[in-house]
Protein backbone atom coordinates (compact mmCIF):
# COMPACT_ATOMS: atom_id res chain seq x y z
CA MET A 1 15.49 -8.10 -9.49
CA PRO A 2 16.58 -7.09 -5.99
CA ALA A 3 16.75 -9.99 -3.50
CA GLY A 4 13.67 -10.15 -1.27
CA PHE A 5 11.54 -8.16 -3.73
CA GLU A 6 8.97 -9.03 -6.39
CA ALA A 7 8.37 -7.16 -9.65
CA VAL A 8 4.75 -5.97 -9.70
CA LEU A 9 4.36 -3.67 -12.72
CA ASP A 10 6.02 -1.12 -14.97
CA ASP A 11 6.74 2.16 -13.18
CA ALA A 12 4.88 4.13 -15.88
CA GLU A 13 1.69 2.10 -15.27
CA LEU A 14 1.09 3.64 -11.83
CA ALA A 15 -0.50 7.08 -12.11
CA GLU A 16 -0.36 9.78 -9.45
CA GLY A 17 -3.10 9.25 -6.85
CA GLU A 18 -4.11 5.85 -8.24
CA LEU A 19 -4.74 2.78 -6.06
CA ARG A 20 -3.69 -0.55 -7.61
CA ILE A 21 -3.98 -4.03 -6.16
CA VAL A 22 -0.81 -6.09 -6.67
CA HIS A 23 0.11 -9.51 -5.32
CA VAL A 24 3.37 -10.27 -3.54
CA LEU A 25 3.90 -13.88 -2.46
CA GLY A 26 0.15 -14.38 -2.92
CA GLN A 27 -0.82 -11.52 -0.60
CA ALA A 28 -2.93 -8.62 -1.92
CA LEU A 29 -1.25 -5.24 -1.39
CA VAL A 30 -2.28 -1.71 -2.34
CA LEU A 31 0.20 0.21 -4.46
CA CYS A 32 -0.18 3.97 -4.93
CA ARG A 33 1.84 7.00 -6.02
CA VAL A 34 1.83 10.24 -4.03
CA ARG A 35 3.92 13.27 -5.05
CA GLY A 36 5.75 11.10 -7.56
CA ARG A 37 6.80 8.40 -5.10
CA PRO A 38 5.33 4.88 -4.97
CA TYR A 39 4.09 3.36 -1.70
CA ALA A 40 2.78 -0.11 -0.81
CA CYS A 41 0.70 -1.27 2.13
CA SER A 42 -1.52 -4.15 3.13
CA GLY A 43 -4.63 -4.45 0.99
CA GLU A 44 -6.71 -5.27 4.05
CA CYS A 45 -7.72 -2.81 6.76
CA THR A 46 -6.56 -3.78 10.25
CA PHE A 47 -9.96 -3.07 11.84
CA GLU A 48 -12.35 -5.96 12.60
CA ASP A 49 -13.29 -7.84 9.42
CA GLY A 50 -10.73 -5.95 7.32
CA GLY A 51 -12.14 -3.81 4.54
CA ASP A 52 -10.69 -3.90 1.02
CA LEU A 53 -8.31 -0.93 0.89
CA GLY A 54 -8.01 -1.26 -2.89
CA ALA A 55 -11.59 0.07 -2.99
CA GLY A 56 -10.67 2.85 -0.57
CA HIS A 57 -10.09 6.54 -1.16
CA LEU A 58 -6.66 8.16 -1.37
CA ASP A 59 -6.35 11.84 -0.42
CA GLY A 60 -2.70 12.85 -0.40
CA TYR A 61 -0.95 10.38 1.90
CA SER A 62 -4.21 9.40 3.63
CA LEU A 63 -5.90 6.13 2.65
CA ARG A 64 -9.49 5.72 3.87
CA CYS A 65 -11.05 2.28 4.29
CA PRO A 66 -14.43 2.06 2.52
CA VAL A 67 -15.96 -0.15 5.24
CA HIS A 68 -15.44 1.62 8.59
CA GLY A 69 -13.75 4.87 7.55
CA CYS A 70 -10.38 4.17 9.19
CA VAL A 71 -7.65 6.37 7.74
CA PHE A 72 -3.99 5.37 7.45
CA ASP A 73 -0.85 7.19 6.29
CA VAL A 74 0.53 5.19 3.31
CA ARG A 75 4.10 6.24 4.15
CA SER A 76 4.20 4.66 7.61
CA GLY A 77 0.93 2.79 8.15
CA ARG A 78 0.21 5.13 11.08
CA ILE A 79 -3.45 5.49 12.05
CA VAL A 80 -4.65 8.97 11.11
CA SER A 81 -8.26 8.41 12.11
CA PRO A 82 -9.89 5.56 14.11
CA PRO A 83 -11.71 3.26 14.66
CA ALA A 84 -8.65 1.15 13.74
CA ASP A 85 -6.34 0.51 16.69
CA GLU A 86 -3.60 -1.36 14.82
CA GLN A 87 -1.13 0.24 12.40
CA LEU A 88 -1.28 -0.84 8.73
CA PRO A 89 1.69 -2.90 7.48
CA THR A 90 3.72 -1.05 4.83
CA TYR A 91 6.25 -2.40 2.33
CA GLU A 92 9.35 -0.93 0.75
CA VAL A 93 8.99 -0.13 -2.96
CA ARG A 94 11.92 0.22 -5.35
CA SER A 95 11.99 1.46 -8.92
CA GLU A 96 14.70 -0.13 -11.07
CA GLY A 97 14.98 -0.42 -14.83
CA GLY A 98 11.49 1.01 -15.35
CA ARG A 99 9.85 -1.60 -13.07
CA LEU A 100 8.40 -1.36 -9.57
CA PHE A 101 9.52 -3.95 -7.03
CA VAL A 102 7.81 -4.52 -3.67
CA ALA A 103 9.49 -6.15 -0.66
CA HIS A 104 8.34 -9.62 0.33
CA ARG A 105 7.95 -8.65 3.98
CA PRO A 106 6.45 -5.58 5.62
CA ARG A 107 8.71 -3.04 7.27
CA GLY A 108 9.74 -4.01 10.78
CA PHE A 109 9.43 -7.78 10.16
């Protein structure tokens, strides 16, 4: 296992366009696959009371919060559509030996 990463599931278990909740150091994250590549981001929307992004809708790289409709880019956490005013934390994902590993800390921290 790479240092600073946690194994979350087998690579083959994550289907294209699927949203999966995984836990890294006790924190719920959303894992998804878009165009063959896995991405991970915070499982909680950054707007107000924080909607459950695992129950959101994925359309390409855009992840829509089911509570207030905020849309984030899963690659960068960039806000695509308000009302959110804070970027979504994203996490590096690695595939090694048929397993997916997610970084312990979000990018930029």
